[in-house]
Amino acid sequence: MVLCDIGNTSAHFLDNGRSWKISTSEFNPENYKEKIYFISVNRKISEQIQESKLKNWIDLSQFVKIESEYKTLGIDRKVAILNLENAIVIDAGSAVTIDIVKKSRHIGGYILAGRLAIQKSYEIQTPHLKFRQNDKRLDLNELPNNTENAIFYGYLHQIISLIKEIKSNFKDLNLIITGGDGKLISEYFPESEFREFLIFDNLREIIKDNFREKN
């Protein structure tokens, strides 16, 4: 079973435990002939699939129902919080999204610029300042003493601080983290649950509930 989560910067695939990403600038759904179950926040690619009548691409978004006043909640965020009762879900991808679910209802959330967006911003606006990610757990109480650390600390600190504030306001909610930078962020929250393939796990549940194919 091939699953695909199409974002704004990349299409993320999972097939029998093998995971890979393709930049949306190089991605063409017409190149695939096998059946693929997908969700997409990329309007251009979604329109291409629909207009080209690519019947092997099965859009799962129609099966996702979330109770929320947030009318523009993206399908990726809806899938991430699917079937949760009480949780704070952080998806640290191209953007960092934070969604709060209480008593099985989505009550709100936040969107922050992700690492790639920040990096590109520095490249365009201030090319002399280099954004370099540090994958090691940093002591955010330390005062940075060089430009490279100052930039990365600044990026990471705003995310960690906001999550801490949200968690302090919703102490009874579980903290679930996913996404490409999710592992790094989870290092600062020992009580959190890091789920690398949260979106794909939930896509499988959708397929299980709505299709005969279950493998």
Protein backbone atom coordinates (compact mmCIF):
# COMPACT_ATOMS: atom_id res chain seq x y z
CA MET A 1 0.00 0.00 0.00
CA VAL A 2 1.49 3.32 -1.11
CA LEU A 3 0.66 6.40 0.96
CA CYS A 4 1.48 10.00 0.10
CA ASP A 5 1.30 13.26 2.05
CA ILE A 6 1.66 16.12 -0.45
CA GLY A 7 2.83 19.35 1.12
CA ASN A 8 3.87 22.72 -0.25
CA THR A 9 7.57 21.87 -0.54
CA SER A 10 7.65 18.07 -0.86
CA ALA A 11 5.60 14.94 -1.43
CA HIS A 12 6.27 12.40 1.32
CA PHE A 13 5.76 8.73 0.44
CA LEU A 14 5.55 5.59 2.54
CA ASP A 15 5.45 2.10 1.04
CA ASN A 16 5.88 -1.03 3.15
CA GLY A 17 8.01 0.78 5.71
CA ARG A 18 10.15 2.60 3.14
CA SER A 19 9.87 6.38 3.35
CA TRP A 20 11.08 8.99 0.88
CA LYS A 21 10.42 12.58 -0.19
CA ILE A 22 10.33 14.32 -3.56
CA SER A 23 10.47 18.08 -4.00
CA THR A 24 7.18 19.42 -5.35
CA SER A 25 9.17 21.26 -8.01
CA GLU A 26 10.22 17.88 -9.42
CA PHE A 27 7.10 15.90 -8.56
CA ASN A 28 4.67 14.79 -11.29
CA PRO A 29 1.76 12.55 -10.21
CA GLU A 30 1.30 11.41 -13.81
CA ASN A 31 4.54 9.42 -13.53
CA TYR A 32 2.93 6.95 -11.10
CA LYS A 33 0.75 4.06 -12.23
CA GLU A 34 0.22 2.18 -8.96
CA LYS A 35 -2.66 2.93 -6.62
CA ILE A 36 -1.70 5.69 -4.20
CA TYR A 37 -3.76 6.89 -1.23
CA PHE A 38 -3.04 10.54 -0.54
CA ILE A 39 -3.86 13.85 1.09
CA SER A 40 -2.67 17.20 -0.25
CA VAL A 41 -2.39 20.82 0.85
CA ASN A 42 -0.80 21.69 -2.48
CA ARG A 43 -3.56 23.19 -4.60
CA LYS A 44 -1.61 23.06 -7.85
CA ILE A 45 -0.86 19.34 -7.56
CA SER A 46 -4.39 18.55 -6.35
CA GLU A 47 -5.81 20.31 -9.42
CA GLN A 48 -3.42 18.42 -11.68
CA ILE A 49 -4.57 15.07 -10.26
CA GLN A 50 -8.20 16.05 -10.67
CA GLU A 51 -7.95 17.64 -14.12
CA SER A 52 -5.84 14.77 -15.47
CA LYS A 53 -8.36 12.27 -14.07
CA LEU A 54 -5.65 10.18 -12.43
CA LYS A 55 -7.88 7.46 -10.99
CA ASN A 56 -4.98 5.64 -9.34
CA TRP A 57 -4.62 8.60 -6.93
CA ILE A 58 -7.20 8.12 -4.15
CA ASP A 59 -7.90 11.33 -2.19
CA LEU A 60 -8.63 10.48 1.45
CA SER A 61 -9.57 14.00 2.53
CA GLN A 62 -13.29 13.35 1.97
CA PHE A 63 -13.22 10.77 4.78
CA VAL A 64 -11.75 13.12 7.40
CA LYS A 65 -14.29 14.78 9.68
CA ILE A 66 -13.05 16.99 12.51
CA GLU A 67 -15.17 19.00 14.94
CA SER A 68 -13.72 22.50 15.00
CA GLU A 69 -14.58 26.19 14.64
CA TYR A 70 -11.32 26.57 12.70
CA LYS A 71 -12.84 26.66 9.20
CA THR A 72 -9.58 26.81 7.26
CA LEU A 73 -7.84 23.97 9.09
CA GLY A 74 -5.62 22.15 6.57
CA ILE A 75 -6.18 18.49 5.75
CA ASP A 76 -2.71 17.58 7.05
CA ARG A 77 -3.56 19.07 10.44
CA LYS A 78 -6.94 17.36 10.45
CA VAL A 79 -5.34 13.98 9.81
CA ALA A 80 -2.69 14.58 12.48
CA ILE A 81 -5.34 15.06 15.19
CA LEU A 82 -7.71 12.37 13.95
CA ASN A 83 -9.33 10.27 16.71
CA LEU A 84 -7.50 12.11 19.50
CA GLU A 85 -9.39 13.04 22.64
CA ASN A 86 -7.06 15.27 24.63
CA ALA A 87 -3.77 16.29 23.05
CA ILE A 88 -1.43 19.00 21.87
CA VAL A 89 -0.09 17.98 18.45
CA ILE A 90 3.05 19.60 17.03
CA ASP A 91 3.93 18.93 13.40
CA ALA A 92 7.38 20.38 12.75
CA GLY A 93 7.66 20.36 8.99
CA SER A 94 7.85 23.14 6.37
CA ALA A 95 5.74 25.07 8.84
CA VAL A 96 5.47 24.28 12.53
CA THR A 97 1.81 23.74 13.39
CA ILE A 98 0.47 23.35 16.91
CA ASP A 99 -3.09 22.07 17.37
CA ILE A 100 -5.02 21.61 20.59
CA VAL A 101 -7.68 18.95 20.98
CA LYS A 102 -9.81 18.81 24.10
CA LYS A 103 -12.64 16.34 24.67
CA SER A 104 -12.31 15.21 21.03
CA ARG A 105 -12.80 18.75 19.73
CA HIS A 106 -10.21 20.90 18.01
CA ILE A 107 -10.25 24.17 19.93
CA GLY A 108 -7.53 26.12 18.11
CA GLY A 109 -3.92 26.19 17.10
CA TYR A 110 -0.86 28.07 15.90
CA ILE A 111 1.37 28.23 12.83
CA LEU A 112 5.04 29.23 12.95
CA ALA A 113 7.61 29.44 10.17
CA GLY A 114 9.52 26.19 9.83
CA ARG A 115 13.26 25.76 9.58
CA LEU A 116 13.31 25.79 5.77
CA ALA A 117 11.29 29.01 5.56
CA ILE A 118 13.58 30.69 8.07
CA GLN A 119 16.65 29.48 6.23
CA LYS A 120 15.38 30.77 2.88
CA SER A 121 14.45 34.08 4.45
CA TYR A 122 18.01 34.59 5.68
CA GLU A 123 19.40 33.57 2.28
CA ILE A 124 17.28 36.19 0.53
CA GLN A 125 17.27 39.05 3.02
CA THR A 126 20.64 38.70 4.73
CA PRO A 127 22.83 36.26 2.74
CA HIS A 128 25.85 37.11 4.89
CA LEU A 129 24.08 35.47 7.86
CA LYS A 130 24.12 31.70 7.59
CA PHE A 131 21.37 29.61 9.15
CA ARG A 132 22.75 26.22 10.14
CA GLN A 133 20.78 23.65 12.05
CA ASN A 134 22.29 22.05 15.12
CA ASP A 135 20.80 18.60 15.65
CA LYS A 136 22.16 18.32 19.17
CA ARG A 137 20.08 19.25 22.18
CA LEU A 138 21.06 22.77 23.16
CA ASP A 139 20.88 24.46 26.54
CA LEU A 140 18.48 27.27 25.69
CA ASN A 141 19.36 28.99 28.97
CA GLU A 142 22.83 29.69 27.65
CA LEU A 143 23.47 33.01 25.97
CA PRO A 144 24.72 32.48 22.39
CA ASN A 145 28.20 33.91 21.80
CA ASN A 146 28.48 33.61 18.02
CA THR A 147 26.25 34.54 15.09
CA GLU A 148 25.52 30.99 13.96
CA ASN A 149 24.27 29.97 17.39
CA ALA A 150 22.41 33.25 17.85
CA ILE A 151 20.36 32.61 14.71
CA PHE A 152 19.55 28.99 15.46
CA TYR A 153 18.87 29.60 19.16
CA GLY A 154 16.50 32.38 18.17
CA TYR A 155 14.58 30.12 15.80
CA LEU A 156 14.38 27.19 18.19
CA HIS A 157 13.71 29.22 21.32
CA GLN A 158 10.48 30.73 20.00
CA ILE A 159 9.08 27.29 19.20
CA ILE A 160 10.10 25.69 22.49
CA SER A 161 8.87 28.66 24.52
CA LEU A 162 5.46 28.67 22.85
CA ILE A 163 5.02 24.93 23.37
CA LYS A 164 5.97 25.28 27.03
CA GLU A 165 3.45 28.08 27.48
CA ILE A 166 0.69 26.07 25.81
CA LYS A 167 1.53 22.99 27.87
CA SER A 168 1.39 25.04 31.07
CA ASN A 169 -2.12 26.16 30.12
CA PHE A 170 -3.26 22.64 29.23
CA LYS A 171 -1.44 20.48 31.76
CA ASP A 172 -3.87 17.59 31.33
CA LEU A 173 -3.27 17.21 27.59
CA ASN A 174 -0.82 14.73 26.09
CA LEU A 175 2.00 16.15 23.98
CA ILE A 176 2.45 14.45 20.59
CA ILE A 177 5.20 15.55 18.19
CA THR A 178 5.79 14.61 14.56
CA GLY A 179 7.41 16.03 11.41
CA GLY A 180 10.91 16.32 10.02
CA ASP A 181 12.19 18.43 12.93
CA GLY A 182 9.93 16.70 15.44
CA LYS A 183 12.64 14.49 16.89
CA LEU A 184 14.79 17.53 17.68
CA ILE A 185 11.91 19.37 19.36
CA SER A 186 10.85 16.30 21.34
CA GLU A 187 14.28 16.28 23.02
CA TYR A 188 13.15 19.32 25.03
CA PHE A 189 9.98 17.61 26.24
CA PRO A 190 10.74 14.29 27.97
CA GLU A 191 7.04 13.74 28.61
CA SER A 192 6.19 13.99 24.91
CA GLU A 193 5.46 11.16 22.48
CA PHE A 194 7.40 11.39 19.21
CA ARG A 195 5.52 9.73 16.35
CA GLU A 196 7.53 9.93 13.15
CA PHE A 197 4.78 8.53 10.94
CA LEU A 198 1.72 9.99 12.69
CA ILE A 199 0.12 11.16 9.43
CA PHE A 200 0.67 7.82 7.72
CA ASP A 201 -0.58 5.87 10.74
CA ASN A 202 -3.81 7.84 10.61
CA LEU A 203 -4.10 7.45 6.84
CA ARG A 204 -3.97 3.69 7.35
CA GLU A 205 -6.82 3.99 9.86
CA ILE A 206 -8.88 5.92 7.32
CA ILE A 207 -8.28 3.24 4.71
CA LYS A 208 -9.10 0.49 7.19
CA ASP A 209 -12.41 2.17 8.03
CA ASN A 210 -13.45 2.98 4.46
CA PHE A 211 -11.88 0.48 2.08
CA ARG A 212 -11.56 -3.28 1.88
CA GLU A 213 -7.81 -2.97 1.37
CA LYS A 214 -6.21 -3.20 4.81
CA ASN A 215 -2.56 -4.10 4.21
